[in-house]
Amino acid sequence: MLLIKEFEFDAAHNLIHYHGKCERLHGHTYKLVIKLEGEPDHEGMIFDFVELKRIVKERIIDKFDHAYLNDIISQPTAENIAIFVYKELKDVLKRDNCRLYEVEVWETKTSGVAYRG
């Protein structure tokens, strides 16, 4: 079973190792999707949505929202953002009944990546 929680943040970046319009400073309203794979526990939950929201907010959203992502990730492509988020959350979200399954990062409504570690 998959538990899915969506988040949103606004951030700016520029892709310094890319030749095209995205090498210039610009911003996105990103959608971040966190997916946990597991089985419901004795309370009938894979993971408490409230606790998941708190963890992701503290470890990711508070760092990324209204930030210049190049200060955090040297080449902040959607791919590299997804890898960063996965590494930041993998251990803290691990429980006996579940694990981090996938991180999705959407730069626009039609363009995103999924990373499974």
Foldseek 3Di string as FASTA:
>chain_A
DKDKDKDWAKEWEAACPDPDPRNDIDMFTKMKMWIKDFAQDPVGDLDDPVVVVVLCCVQPRVVGHHYHCCVPPVGDDLVRSQVVSCVSCQVVSDDPTITTAWMKMARDPPDIDIDGD
